Amino acid sequence: MNAEKELTIRLLIIEDNATLILAGLRGFFRPGRDQIRVSEVFDDVAEAIEKADRNSFDLILLDLFIPGTNPKENIQALHREFPSKPVVIYTSMDSDLWRRTMWNLGARGYVHKNDGRDKLKAAIVQAFSGKAMAPRGFPTEIEINEAGFEFQANGLSIIEKEMVTMLVGGMKYKEISAALKIKTDYLEAMAKKLRKKYGAKSMPQLIYKLSEKGLL
């Protein structure tokens, strides 16, 4: 019994859609088989910092985008409050830029929600054991800034792809502005430029055209 407790990785989940994620993870992991179990679940970072028992979990599984919050500020706050607890990002955002950004801010894993149990388990085990590797082959923030946001990712600049993907996910320009640290009027001008470039009269039409071309 004691050996099993020592081996089991206890997860603190921070996710705005906590009920659905919790049900999925309980289906994924069984303590006796995977040595991973969910210990606590919270809807946002502030609540987790206020109420979580730091002795009840070993690793934080964090959603990238929690409504009304900033991803960068979230992970920074968690590291300040729980400096010894590794953080793994669990998100529906498939983004090289965010993967690199979160690593630079201390995340030790970045898993897409469609990646499945094996990849999520591997990321959790690696982060817990301290064997997580830095992502390779992605542009650094300096490279992106020097390129004036023109680094191409599938025909769109990284920032263009990030913006459109977030719009598809239901985020508003103000929320995207806070997340990417870019002025709202810059984002709106970028969207207008993209609509003109692809002959779209509205954002839904632009999204359709980009999807049709395989750019999203």
N, C-alpha and C. Protein backbone atom coordinates (compact mmCIF):
# COMPACT_ATOMS: atom_id res chain seq x y z
N MET A 1 0.82 -1.21 0.00
CA MET A 1 0.00 0.00 0.00
C MET A 1 0.86 1.26 0.00
N ASN A 2 1.87 1.33 0.88
CA ASN A 2 2.74 2.48 0.93
C ASN A 2 3.50 2.68 -0.37
N ALA A 3 3.96 1.56 -0.98
CA ALA A 3 4.70 1.64 -2.24
C ALA A 3 3.82 2.23 -3.33
N GLU A 4 2.53 1.83 -3.35
CA GLU A 4 1.62 2.35 -4.38
C GLU A 4 1.40 3.84 -4.19
N LYS A 5 1.30 4.28 -2.91
CA LYS A 5 1.11 5.70 -2.65
C LYS A 5 2.31 6.51 -3.11
N GLU A 6 3.48 5.96 -2.93
CA GLU A 6 4.69 6.67 -3.34
C GLU A 6 4.77 6.80 -4.86
N LEU A 7 4.27 5.81 -5.56
CA LEU A 7 4.35 5.80 -7.01
C LEU A 7 3.26 6.63 -7.67
N THR A 8 2.12 6.79 -6.99
CA THR A 8 0.99 7.48 -7.59
C THR A 8 1.25 8.98 -7.72
N ILE A 9 1.05 9.51 -8.95
CA ILE A 9 1.17 10.94 -9.20
C ILE A 9 -0.22 11.56 -9.03
N ARG A 10 -0.31 12.49 -8.10
CA ARG A 10 -1.59 13.12 -7.78
C ARG A 10 -1.72 14.44 -8.54
N LEU A 11 -2.83 14.60 -9.25
CA LEU A 11 -3.02 15.75 -10.13
C LEU A 11 -3.93 16.80 -9.52
N LEU A 12 -3.51 18.06 -9.66
CA LEU A 12 -4.39 19.20 -9.41
C LEU A 12 -4.83 19.71 -10.78
N ILE A 13 -6.13 19.68 -11.06
CA ILE A 13 -6.65 20.11 -12.35
C ILE A 13 -7.20 21.52 -12.24
N ILE A 14 -6.79 22.41 -13.16
CA ILE A 14 -7.38 23.75 -13.23
C ILE A 14 -7.93 23.91 -14.64
N GLU A 15 -9.25 23.96 -14.74
CA GLU A 15 -9.94 23.87 -16.04
C GLU A 15 -11.34 24.44 -15.88
N ASP A 16 -11.73 25.38 -16.77
CA ASP A 16 -13.06 26.00 -16.61
C ASP A 16 -14.18 25.02 -16.91
N ASN A 17 -13.91 24.00 -17.72
CA ASN A 17 -14.91 22.96 -17.99
C ASN A 17 -14.55 21.72 -17.17
N ALA A 18 -14.46 21.93 -15.86
CA ALA A 18 -13.87 20.93 -14.97
C ALA A 18 -14.63 19.60 -14.95
N THR A 19 -15.95 19.66 -14.97
CA THR A 19 -16.74 18.42 -14.86
C THR A 19 -16.46 17.47 -16.01
N LEU A 20 -16.44 18.02 -17.23
CA LEU A 20 -16.20 17.20 -18.42
C LEU A 20 -14.78 16.64 -18.41
N ILE A 21 -13.79 17.49 -18.10
CA ILE A 21 -12.40 17.06 -18.08
C ILE A 21 -12.17 16.01 -17.01
N LEU A 22 -12.78 16.21 -15.85
CA LEU A 22 -12.62 15.26 -14.75
C LEU A 22 -13.16 13.89 -15.14
N ALA A 23 -14.31 13.87 -15.79
CA ALA A 23 -14.89 12.60 -16.22
C ALA A 23 -13.97 11.90 -17.22
N GLY A 24 -13.40 12.69 -18.14
CA GLY A 24 -12.50 12.11 -19.13
C GLY A 24 -11.24 11.56 -18.52
N LEU A 25 -10.65 12.29 -17.58
CA LEU A 25 -9.40 11.85 -16.96
C LEU A 25 -9.61 10.64 -16.07
N ARG A 26 -10.74 10.58 -15.41
CA ARG A 26 -11.02 9.39 -14.59
C ARG A 26 -11.19 8.16 -15.46
N GLY A 27 -11.66 8.37 -16.70
CA GLY A 27 -11.72 7.26 -17.64
C GLY A 27 -10.35 6.88 -18.17
N PHE A 28 -9.48 7.89 -18.31
CA PHE A 28 -8.12 7.67 -18.79
C PHE A 28 -7.27 6.88 -17.79
N PHE A 29 -7.28 7.35 -16.54
CA PHE A 29 -6.29 6.87 -15.57
C PHE A 29 -6.93 6.12 -14.41
N ARG A 30 -6.28 5.01 -14.06
CA ARG A 30 -6.66 4.23 -12.89
C ARG A 30 -5.42 4.11 -12.00
N PRO A 31 -5.54 4.54 -10.75
CA PRO A 31 -4.36 4.56 -9.87
C PRO A 31 -3.60 3.24 -9.83
N GLY A 32 -4.30 2.13 -9.80
CA GLY A 32 -3.63 0.84 -9.72
C GLY A 32 -2.90 0.46 -10.99
N ARG A 33 -3.35 0.99 -12.14
CA ARG A 33 -2.74 0.66 -13.42
C ARG A 33 -1.74 1.71 -13.87
N ASP A 34 -2.12 2.98 -13.74
CA ASP A 34 -1.31 4.06 -14.30
C ASP A 34 -0.49 4.82 -13.27
N GLN A 35 -0.79 4.61 -11.98
CA GLN A 35 -0.15 5.37 -10.90
C GLN A 35 -0.38 6.87 -11.07
N ILE A 36 -1.54 7.22 -11.59
CA ILE A 36 -1.95 8.63 -11.74
C ILE A 36 -3.40 8.74 -11.28
N ARG A 37 -3.68 9.74 -10.45
CA ARG A 37 -5.06 9.96 -10.04
C ARG A 37 -5.31 11.45 -9.86
N VAL A 38 -6.57 11.85 -10.00
CA VAL A 38 -6.97 13.24 -9.81
C VAL A 38 -7.20 13.48 -8.32
N SER A 39 -6.53 14.49 -7.79
CA SER A 39 -6.66 14.80 -6.38
C SER A 39 -7.64 15.95 -6.13
N GLU A 40 -7.45 17.08 -6.83
CA GLU A 40 -8.32 18.24 -6.66
C GLU A 40 -8.60 18.88 -8.02
N VAL A 41 -9.76 19.53 -8.12
CA VAL A 41 -10.17 20.19 -9.36
C VAL A 41 -10.71 21.58 -9.04
N PHE A 42 -10.26 22.58 -9.81
CA PHE A 42 -10.74 23.95 -9.63
C PHE A 42 -11.05 24.58 -10.98
N ASP A 43 -11.95 25.57 -10.96
CA ASP A 43 -12.37 26.24 -12.19
C ASP A 43 -11.42 27.33 -12.64
N ASP A 44 -10.63 27.88 -11.72
CA ASP A 44 -9.70 28.93 -12.12
C ASP A 44 -8.50 28.96 -11.19
N VAL A 45 -7.49 29.69 -11.60
CA VAL A 45 -6.21 29.71 -10.88
C VAL A 45 -6.35 30.37 -9.51
N ALA A 46 -7.09 31.47 -9.45
CA ALA A 46 -7.23 32.18 -8.18
C ALA A 46 -7.86 31.28 -7.11
N GLU A 47 -8.88 30.52 -7.50
CA GLU A 47 -9.53 29.61 -6.56
C GLU A 47 -8.57 28.51 -6.12
N ALA A 48 -7.78 27.99 -7.07
CA ALA A 48 -6.82 26.94 -6.73
C ALA A 48 -5.78 27.45 -5.73
N ILE A 49 -5.29 28.67 -5.97
CA ILE A 49 -4.28 29.24 -5.07
C ILE A 49 -4.86 29.45 -3.67
N GLU A 50 -6.12 29.84 -3.62
CA GLU A 50 -6.75 30.12 -2.33
C GLU A 50 -7.09 28.84 -1.56
N LYS A 51 -7.55 27.81 -2.27
CA LYS A 51 -8.15 26.66 -1.58
C LYS A 51 -7.37 25.36 -1.66
N ALA A 52 -6.45 25.21 -2.62
CA ALA A 52 -5.79 23.92 -2.81
C ALA A 52 -4.89 23.58 -1.63
N ASP A 53 -4.91 22.32 -1.25
CA ASP A 53 -4.00 21.81 -0.22
C ASP A 53 -2.71 21.40 -0.92
N ARG A 54 -1.63 22.13 -0.70
CA ARG A 54 -0.38 21.89 -1.42
C ARG A 54 0.21 20.51 -1.13
N ASN A 55 -0.26 19.87 -0.07
CA ASN A 55 0.24 18.53 0.27
C ASN A 55 -0.58 17.43 -0.38
N SER A 56 -1.64 17.81 -1.12
CA SER A 56 -2.53 16.79 -1.68
C SER A 56 -2.25 16.49 -3.15
N PHE A 57 -1.31 17.23 -3.77
CA PHE A 57 -1.05 17.00 -5.20
C PHE A 57 0.45 17.14 -5.50
N ASP A 58 0.84 16.52 -6.62
CA ASP A 58 2.24 16.51 -7.03
C ASP A 58 2.49 17.32 -8.30
N LEU A 59 1.44 17.49 -9.11
CA LEU A 59 1.60 18.11 -10.44
C LEU A 59 0.32 18.85 -10.80
N ILE A 60 0.47 19.97 -11.50
CA ILE A 60 -0.67 20.79 -11.91
C ILE A 60 -0.94 20.58 -13.40
N LEU A 61 -2.17 20.23 -13.74
CA LEU A 61 -2.61 20.13 -15.13
C LEU A 61 -3.47 21.35 -15.40
N LEU A 62 -2.97 22.26 -16.25
CA LEU A 62 -3.56 23.58 -16.42
C LEU A 62 -4.09 23.79 -17.83
N ASP A 63 -5.34 24.22 -17.92
CA ASP A 63 -5.90 24.63 -19.21
C ASP A 63 -5.24 25.93 -19.63
N LEU A 64 -4.94 26.08 -20.92
CA LEU A 64 -4.25 27.27 -21.39
C LEU A 64 -5.13 28.51 -21.31
N PHE A 65 -6.36 28.41 -21.82
CA PHE A 65 -7.25 29.56 -21.85
C PHE A 65 -8.42 29.37 -20.90
N ILE A 66 -8.40 30.14 -19.82
CA ILE A 66 -9.49 30.17 -18.86
C ILE A 66 -10.14 31.54 -18.99
N PRO A 67 -11.43 31.62 -19.29
CA PRO A 67 -12.09 32.91 -19.56
C PRO A 67 -11.80 33.96 -18.49
N GLY A 68 -11.51 35.18 -18.97
CA GLY A 68 -11.27 36.29 -18.06
C GLY A 68 -9.90 36.34 -17.44
N THR A 69 -9.00 35.45 -17.87
CA THR A 69 -7.65 35.43 -17.31
C THR A 69 -6.61 35.42 -18.42
N ASN A 70 -5.37 35.67 -18.05
CA ASN A 70 -4.25 35.70 -18.99
C ASN A 70 -3.39 34.45 -18.79
N PRO A 71 -3.14 33.67 -19.86
CA PRO A 71 -2.36 32.43 -19.71
C PRO A 71 -0.98 32.63 -19.08
N LYS A 72 -0.30 33.71 -19.47
CA LYS A 72 1.03 33.96 -18.93
C LYS A 72 0.97 34.28 -17.44
N GLU A 73 0.02 35.11 -17.06
CA GLU A 73 -0.13 35.46 -15.65
C GLU A 73 -0.56 34.27 -14.82
N ASN A 74 -1.36 33.38 -15.40
CA ASN A 74 -1.81 32.18 -14.67
C ASN A 74 -0.64 31.29 -14.27
N ILE A 75 0.21 30.97 -15.23
CA ILE A 75 1.31 30.06 -14.92
C ILE A 75 2.34 30.73 -14.00
N GLN A 76 2.54 32.03 -14.16
CA GLN A 76 3.45 32.74 -13.28
C GLN A 76 2.94 32.74 -11.84
N ALA A 77 1.62 32.92 -11.67
CA ALA A 77 1.03 32.91 -10.33
C ALA A 77 1.17 31.53 -9.69
N LEU A 78 0.98 30.48 -10.48
CA LEU A 78 1.10 29.13 -9.95
C LEU A 78 2.53 28.82 -9.53
N HIS A 79 3.50 29.27 -10.30
CA HIS A 79 4.90 29.04 -9.93
C HIS A 79 5.28 29.81 -8.67
N ARG A 80 4.71 31.00 -8.50
CA ARG A 80 5.00 31.75 -7.28
C ARG A 80 4.42 31.05 -6.05
N GLU A 81 3.19 30.52 -6.21
CA GLU A 81 2.50 29.91 -5.07
C GLU A 81 2.95 28.48 -4.80
N PHE A 82 3.22 27.73 -5.88
CA PHE A 82 3.60 26.32 -5.74
C PHE A 82 4.90 26.06 -6.50
N PRO A 83 6.01 26.63 -6.07
CA PRO A 83 7.27 26.57 -6.84
C PRO A 83 7.81 25.17 -7.07
N SER A 84 7.44 24.22 -6.23
CA SER A 84 7.98 22.86 -6.38
C SER A 84 7.09 21.95 -7.22
N LYS A 85 5.94 22.47 -7.68
CA LYS A 85 4.98 21.63 -8.42
C LYS A 85 5.12 21.87 -9.92
N PRO A 86 5.47 20.86 -10.71
CA PRO A 86 5.55 21.04 -12.17
C PRO A 86 4.17 21.29 -12.77
N VAL A 87 4.16 22.05 -13.86
CA VAL A 87 2.91 22.38 -14.56
C VAL A 87 2.93 21.78 -15.95
N VAL A 88 1.85 21.11 -16.32
CA VAL A 88 1.65 20.60 -17.68
C VAL A 88 0.42 21.30 -18.26
N ILE A 89 0.57 21.88 -19.44
CA ILE A 89 -0.54 22.55 -20.11
C ILE A 89 -1.36 21.50 -20.85
N TYR A 90 -2.68 21.54 -20.65
CA TYR A 90 -3.60 20.61 -21.30
C TYR A 90 -4.65 21.46 -22.02
N THR A 91 -4.60 21.52 -23.35
CA THR A 91 -5.34 22.54 -24.08
C THR A 91 -5.84 22.04 -25.43
N SER A 92 -6.82 22.76 -25.96
CA SER A 92 -7.30 22.50 -27.33
C SER A 92 -6.60 23.39 -28.34
N MET A 93 -5.63 24.19 -27.87
CA MET A 93 -4.86 25.09 -28.74
C MET A 93 -3.58 24.39 -29.22
N ASP A 94 -3.56 24.01 -30.51
CA ASP A 94 -2.37 23.38 -31.09
C ASP A 94 -1.50 24.49 -31.66
N SER A 95 -0.53 24.95 -30.88
CA SER A 95 0.21 26.15 -31.24
C SER A 95 1.68 26.03 -30.87
N ASP A 96 2.56 26.13 -31.87
CA ASP A 96 3.99 26.12 -31.60
C ASP A 96 4.41 27.33 -30.76
N LEU A 97 3.79 28.48 -31.05
CA LEU A 97 4.13 29.69 -30.31
C LEU A 97 3.77 29.56 -28.84
N TRP A 98 2.57 29.08 -28.55
CA TRP A 98 2.17 28.92 -27.15
C TRP A 98 2.96 27.82 -26.46
N ARG A 99 3.30 26.77 -27.21
CA ARG A 99 4.11 25.69 -26.63
C ARG A 99 5.47 26.23 -26.16
N ARG A 100 6.11 27.02 -27.01
CA ARG A 100 7.39 27.61 -26.66
C ARG A 100 7.23 28.64 -25.54
N THR A 101 6.20 29.48 -25.64
CA THR A 101 5.98 30.51 -24.63
C THR A 101 5.76 29.90 -23.25
N MET A 102 4.94 28.86 -23.18
CA MET A 102 4.67 28.23 -21.89
C MET A 102 5.91 27.55 -21.33
N TRP A 103 6.72 26.95 -22.21
CA TRP A 103 7.98 26.35 -21.74
C TRP A 103 8.88 27.43 -21.14
N ASN A 104 9.00 28.55 -21.83
CA ASN A 104 9.83 29.65 -21.34
C ASN A 104 9.34 30.18 -20.00
N LEU A 105 8.05 30.02 -19.72
CA LEU A 105 7.47 30.48 -18.46
C LEU A 105 7.44 29.37 -17.40
N GLY A 106 8.02 28.22 -17.73
CA GLY A 106 8.16 27.19 -16.71
C GLY A 106 7.32 25.94 -16.85
N ALA A 107 6.42 25.87 -17.86
CA ALA A 107 5.64 24.65 -18.05
C ALA A 107 6.57 23.51 -18.46
N ARG A 108 6.29 22.32 -18.00
CA ARG A 108 7.13 21.17 -18.35
C ARG A 108 6.38 20.12 -19.14
N GLY A 109 5.35 20.58 -19.85
CA GLY A 109 4.60 19.72 -20.75
C GLY A 109 3.51 20.52 -21.43
N TYR A 110 3.15 20.14 -22.65
CA TYR A 110 2.12 20.83 -23.41
C TYR A 110 1.41 19.76 -24.23
N VAL A 111 0.17 19.46 -23.87
CA VAL A 111 -0.55 18.35 -24.50
C VAL A 111 -1.87 18.84 -25.06
N HIS A 112 -2.12 18.48 -26.32
CA HIS A 112 -3.41 18.80 -26.93
C HIS A 112 -4.46 17.83 -26.41
N LYS A 113 -5.69 18.32 -26.23
CA LYS A 113 -6.75 17.49 -25.65
C LYS A 113 -7.18 16.34 -26.56
N ASN A 114 -6.78 16.38 -27.82
CA ASN A 114 -7.08 15.26 -28.72
C ASN A 114 -5.93 14.26 -28.81
N ASP A 115 -4.85 14.48 -28.07
CA ASP A 115 -3.67 13.62 -28.20
C ASP A 115 -3.86 12.22 -27.60
N GLY A 116 -4.81 12.07 -26.70
CA GLY A 116 -5.08 10.75 -26.15
C GLY A 116 -4.33 10.45 -24.86
N ARG A 117 -4.69 9.31 -24.26
CA ARG A 117 -4.20 8.95 -22.94
C ARG A 117 -2.70 8.74 -22.91
N ASP A 118 -2.14 8.06 -23.89
CA ASP A 118 -0.72 7.72 -23.84
C ASP A 118 0.17 8.96 -23.84
N LYS A 119 -0.13 9.94 -24.70
CA LYS A 119 0.69 11.15 -24.75
C LYS A 119 0.53 11.98 -23.48
N LEU A 120 -0.69 12.03 -22.97
CA LEU A 120 -0.90 12.78 -21.74
C LEU A 120 -0.17 12.11 -20.57
N LYS A 121 -0.27 10.80 -20.49
CA LYS A 121 0.42 10.09 -19.42
C LYS A 121 1.93 10.29 -19.52
N ALA A 122 2.48 10.19 -20.74
CA ALA A 122 3.93 10.37 -20.92
C ALA A 122 4.37 11.76 -20.48
N ALA A 123 3.57 12.78 -20.82
CA ALA A 123 3.91 14.15 -20.44
C ALA A 123 3.87 14.32 -18.92
N ILE A 124 2.89 13.73 -18.29
CA ILE A 124 2.76 13.83 -16.83
C ILE A 124 3.94 13.13 -16.15
N VAL A 125 4.25 11.93 -16.60
CA VAL A 125 5.35 11.17 -15.99
C VAL A 125 6.68 11.87 -16.19
N GLN A 126 6.92 12.38 -17.39
CA GLN A 126 8.18 13.08 -17.67
C GLN A 126 8.32 14.34 -16.83
N ALA A 127 7.23 15.11 -16.74
CA ALA A 127 7.28 16.35 -15.95
C ALA A 127 7.50 16.04 -14.48
N PHE A 128 6.83 15.02 -13.98
CA PHE A 128 6.96 14.65 -12.57
C PHE A 128 8.37 14.16 -12.25
N SER A 129 8.97 13.45 -13.20
CA SER A 129 10.31 12.90 -12.97
C SER A 129 11.43 13.88 -13.27
N GLY A 130 11.07 15.06 -13.84
CA GLY A 130 12.07 16.05 -14.17
C GLY A 130 12.79 15.78 -15.48
N LYS A 131 12.24 14.90 -16.32
CA LYS A 131 12.89 14.52 -17.57
C LYS A 131 12.30 15.23 -18.79
N ALA A 132 11.40 16.17 -18.57
CA ALA A 132 10.78 16.87 -19.70
C ALA A 132 11.83 17.61 -20.51
N MET A 133 11.69 17.57 -21.83
CA MET A 133 12.64 18.19 -22.73
C MET A 133 12.05 19.46 -23.33
N ALA A 134 12.90 20.46 -23.52
CA ALA A 134 12.45 21.70 -24.16
C ALA A 134 12.01 21.42 -25.59
N PRO A 135 10.94 22.06 -26.04
CA PRO A 135 10.52 21.89 -27.43
C PRO A 135 11.58 22.41 -28.38
N ARG A 136 11.76 21.70 -29.48
CA ARG A 136 12.78 22.10 -30.46
C ARG A 136 12.12 22.46 -31.78
N GLY A 137 12.83 23.29 -32.55
CA GLY A 137 12.35 23.61 -33.89
C GLY A 137 11.33 24.70 -33.95
N PHE A 138 11.07 25.39 -32.82
CA PHE A 138 10.10 26.46 -32.81
C PHE A 138 10.81 27.80 -32.77
N PRO A 139 10.24 28.84 -33.36
CA PRO A 139 10.88 30.15 -33.29
C PRO A 139 10.85 30.69 -31.87
N THR A 140 11.90 31.36 -31.45
CA THR A 140 11.92 31.99 -30.14
C THR A 140 11.16 33.31 -30.21
N GLU A 141 10.84 33.86 -29.04
CA GLU A 141 10.13 35.14 -29.02
C GLU A 141 10.95 36.23 -29.69
N ILE A 142 12.29 36.18 -29.54
CA ILE A 142 13.16 37.17 -30.19
C ILE A 142 13.05 37.05 -31.70
N GLU A 143 13.07 35.83 -32.21
CA GLU A 143 12.96 35.63 -33.66
C GLU A 143 11.63 36.15 -34.18
N ILE A 144 10.57 35.94 -33.42
CA ILE A 144 9.25 36.40 -33.84
C ILE A 144 9.21 37.93 -33.87
N ASN A 145 9.74 38.55 -32.81
CA ASN A 145 9.73 40.01 -32.73
C ASN A 145 10.57 40.63 -33.85
N GLU A 146 11.75 40.05 -34.12
CA GLU A 146 12.61 40.59 -35.16
C GLU A 146 11.98 40.45 -36.54
N ALA A 147 11.15 39.44 -36.70
CA ALA A 147 10.48 39.22 -37.99
C ALA A 147 9.24 40.08 -38.14
N GLY A 148 8.93 40.87 -37.11
CA GLY A 148 7.75 41.73 -37.19
C GLY A 148 6.47 40.93 -37.33
N PHE A 149 6.41 39.78 -36.66
CA PHE A 149 5.25 38.90 -36.70
C PHE A 149 5.03 38.28 -38.08
N GLU A 150 6.08 38.27 -38.91
CA GLU A 150 5.90 37.76 -40.27
C GLU A 150 6.40 36.33 -40.45
N PHE A 151 6.84 35.69 -39.38
CA PHE A 151 7.25 34.29 -39.49
C PHE A 151 6.06 33.47 -39.97
N GLN A 152 6.25 32.73 -41.06
CA GLN A 152 5.12 32.04 -41.67
C GLN A 152 4.85 30.67 -41.05
N ALA A 153 3.60 30.42 -40.78
CA ALA A 153 3.15 29.12 -40.28
C ALA A 153 1.96 28.71 -41.13
N ASN A 154 2.19 27.79 -42.06
CA ASN A 154 1.13 27.31 -42.95
C ASN A 154 0.48 28.44 -43.76
N GLY A 155 1.31 29.40 -44.23
CA GLY A 155 0.77 30.46 -45.06
C GLY A 155 0.30 31.68 -44.29
N LEU A 156 0.15 31.58 -42.98
CA LEU A 156 -0.20 32.71 -42.14
C LEU A 156 0.97 33.01 -41.23
N SER A 157 1.09 34.27 -40.82
CA SER A 157 2.09 34.56 -39.80
C SER A 157 1.63 33.89 -38.50
N ILE A 158 2.56 33.66 -37.59
CA ILE A 158 2.21 33.02 -36.33
C ILE A 158 1.13 33.81 -35.61
N ILE A 159 1.26 35.12 -35.57
CA ILE A 159 0.28 35.93 -34.85
C ILE A 159 -1.08 35.88 -35.55
N GLU A 160 -1.08 35.89 -36.89
CA GLU A 160 -2.34 35.77 -37.63
C GLU A 160 -3.03 34.44 -37.31
N LYS A 161 -2.24 33.38 -37.30
CA LYS A 161 -2.82 32.06 -37.01
C LYS A 161 -3.35 32.00 -35.59
N GLU A 162 -2.60 32.56 -34.64
CA GLU A 162 -3.05 32.58 -33.24
C GLU A 162 -4.37 33.33 -33.13
N MET A 163 -4.44 34.51 -33.75
CA MET A 163 -5.64 35.33 -33.65
C MET A 163 -6.85 34.61 -34.22
N VAL A 164 -6.71 34.08 -35.43
CA VAL A 164 -7.85 33.43 -36.08
C VAL A 164 -8.28 32.19 -35.30
N THR A 165 -7.31 31.42 -34.80
CA THR A 165 -7.64 30.22 -34.03
C THR A 165 -8.41 30.58 -32.76
N MET A 166 -8.01 31.67 -32.12
CA MET A 166 -8.72 32.10 -30.92
C MET A 166 -10.12 32.60 -31.24
N LEU A 167 -10.27 33.28 -32.38
CA LEU A 167 -11.59 33.72 -32.80
C LEU A 167 -12.50 32.51 -33.06
N VAL A 168 -11.93 31.50 -33.68
CA VAL A 168 -12.69 30.26 -33.92
C VAL A 168 -13.13 29.66 -32.59
N GLY A 169 -12.27 29.77 -31.58
CA GLY A 169 -12.58 29.24 -30.26
C GLY A 169 -13.55 30.08 -29.46
N GLY A 170 -14.02 31.18 -30.04
CA GLY A 170 -15.04 31.99 -29.38
C GLY A 170 -14.51 33.16 -28.58
N MET A 171 -13.21 33.41 -28.63
CA MET A 171 -12.64 34.53 -27.89
C MET A 171 -12.92 35.85 -28.60
N LYS A 172 -13.03 36.93 -27.83
CA LYS A 172 -13.24 38.27 -28.37
C LYS A 172 -11.88 38.95 -28.55
N TYR A 173 -11.88 40.04 -29.34
CA TYR A 173 -10.61 40.74 -29.60
C TYR A 173 -9.94 41.21 -28.31
N LYS A 174 -10.72 41.68 -27.35
CA LYS A 174 -10.14 42.15 -26.08
C LYS A 174 -9.46 41.00 -25.33
N GLU A 175 -10.07 39.82 -25.36
CA GLU A 175 -9.49 38.66 -24.69
C GLU A 175 -8.21 38.23 -25.40
N ILE A 176 -8.24 38.25 -26.73
CA ILE A 176 -7.04 37.88 -27.50
C ILE A 176 -5.94 38.89 -27.26
N SER A 177 -6.31 40.17 -27.19
CA SER A 177 -5.35 41.22 -26.92
C SER A 177 -4.63 40.99 -25.60
N ALA A 178 -5.39 40.60 -24.57
CA ALA A 178 -4.79 40.34 -23.26
C ALA A 178 -3.90 39.11 -23.29
N ALA A 179 -4.34 38.09 -24.01
CA ALA A 179 -3.58 36.84 -24.06
C ALA A 179 -2.27 36.99 -24.82
N LEU A 180 -2.30 37.73 -25.94
CA LEU A 180 -1.12 37.85 -26.79
C LEU A 180 -0.29 39.11 -26.51
N LYS A 181 -0.81 39.96 -25.61
CA LYS A 181 -0.11 41.22 -25.30
C LYS A 181 0.04 42.09 -26.55
N ILE A 182 -1.02 42.15 -27.35
CA ILE A 182 -1.03 42.96 -28.57
C ILE A 182 -2.27 43.85 -28.52
N LYS A 183 -2.14 45.10 -28.94
CA LYS A 183 -3.24 46.04 -28.87
C LYS A 183 -4.43 45.57 -29.71
N THR A 184 -5.62 45.86 -29.21
CA THR A 184 -6.85 45.43 -29.89
C THR A 184 -6.95 46.02 -31.29
N ASP A 185 -6.60 47.29 -31.44
CA ASP A 185 -6.73 47.91 -32.76
C ASP A 185 -5.77 47.28 -33.77
N TYR A 186 -4.61 46.79 -33.28
CA TYR A 186 -3.67 46.09 -34.16
C TYR A 186 -4.30 44.78 -34.65
N LEU A 187 -4.95 44.06 -33.74
CA LEU A 187 -5.59 42.79 -34.11
C LEU A 187 -6.72 43.03 -35.10
N GLU A 188 -7.52 44.06 -34.86
CA GLU A 188 -8.63 44.36 -35.76
C GLU A 188 -8.12 44.75 -37.15
N ALA A 189 -7.02 45.50 -37.19
CA ALA A 189 -6.41 45.87 -38.48
C ALA A 189 -5.87 44.63 -39.18
N MET A 190 -5.30 43.72 -38.41
CA MET A 190 -4.78 42.48 -38.98
C MET A 190 -5.92 41.65 -39.58
N ALA A 191 -7.05 41.60 -38.87
CA ALA A 191 -8.21 40.84 -39.36
C ALA A 191 -8.75 41.46 -40.64
N LYS A 192 -8.80 42.78 -40.68
CA LYS A 192 -9.28 43.49 -41.89
C LYS A 192 -8.37 43.19 -43.07
N LYS A 193 -7.05 43.19 -42.82
CA LYS A 193 -6.08 42.90 -43.88
C LYS A 193 -6.26 41.48 -44.41
N LEU A 194 -6.51 40.53 -43.49
CA LEU A 194 -6.70 39.14 -43.91
C LEU A 194 -7.99 38.98 -44.73
N ARG A 195 -9.06 39.67 -44.30
CA ARG A 195 -10.31 39.58 -45.05
C ARG A 195 -10.12 40.09 -46.48
N LYS A 196 -9.39 41.19 -46.62
CA LYS A 196 -9.12 41.75 -47.94
C LYS A 196 -8.26 40.79 -48.76
N LYS A 197 -7.24 40.22 -48.13
CA LYS A 197 -6.31 39.33 -48.82
C LYS A 197 -7.02 38.10 -49.38
N TYR A 198 -7.97 37.55 -48.61
CA TYR A 198 -8.64 36.31 -49.03
C TYR A 198 -10.04 36.55 -49.57
N GLY A 199 -10.40 37.83 -49.81
CA GLY A 199 -11.69 38.14 -50.43
C GLY A 199 -12.88 37.75 -49.59
N ALA A 200 -12.78 37.98 -48.28
CA ALA A 200 -13.87 37.63 -47.36
C ALA A 200 -14.54 38.90 -46.84
N LYS A 201 -15.85 38.90 -46.78
CA LYS A 201 -16.59 40.07 -46.32
C LYS A 201 -16.83 40.06 -44.82
N SER A 202 -16.59 38.92 -44.16
CA SER A 202 -16.82 38.81 -42.73
C SER A 202 -15.83 37.82 -42.14
N MET A 203 -15.70 37.80 -40.81
CA MET A 203 -14.80 36.86 -40.17
C MET A 203 -15.26 35.41 -40.38
N PRO A 204 -16.56 35.09 -40.25
CA PRO A 204 -16.98 33.70 -40.53
C PRO A 204 -16.60 33.25 -41.94
N GLN A 205 -16.74 34.17 -42.91
CA GLN A 205 -16.37 33.83 -44.28
C GLN A 205 -14.86 33.65 -44.41
N LEU A 206 -14.09 34.48 -43.71
CA LEU A 206 -12.63 34.34 -43.72
C LEU A 206 -12.23 32.99 -43.13
N ILE A 207 -12.83 32.65 -42.02
CA ILE A 207 -12.51 31.37 -41.36
C ILE A 207 -12.83 30.21 -42.29
N TYR A 208 -13.96 30.31 -42.97
CA TYR A 208 -14.34 29.25 -43.93
C TYR A 208 -13.30 29.14 -45.04
N LYS A 209 -12.90 30.28 -45.60
CA LYS A 209 -11.93 30.27 -46.70
C LYS A 209 -10.57 29.72 -46.25
N LEU A 210 -10.13 30.10 -45.06
CA LEU A 210 -8.85 29.62 -44.54
C LEU A 210 -8.92 28.11 -44.29
N SER A 211 -10.03 27.65 -43.75
CA SER A 211 -10.20 26.22 -43.50
C SER A 211 -10.22 25.45 -44.81
N GLU A 212 -10.89 26.02 -45.81
CA GLU A 212 -10.97 25.39 -47.12
C GLU A 212 -9.59 25.24 -47.76
N LYS A 213 -8.71 26.22 -47.48
CA LYS A 213 -7.37 26.17 -48.02
C LYS A 213 -6.40 25.37 -47.15
N GLY A 214 -6.91 24.84 -46.03
CA GLY A 214 -6.07 24.06 -45.14
C GLY A 214 -5.10 24.89 -44.33
N LEU A 215 -5.44 26.17 -44.08
CA LEU A 215 -4.54 27.08 -43.36
C LEU A 215 -4.83 27.14 -41.88
N LEU A 216 -5.87 26.44 -41.41
CA LEU A 216 -6.18 26.41 -39.99
C LEU A 216 -6.10 24.97 -39.46
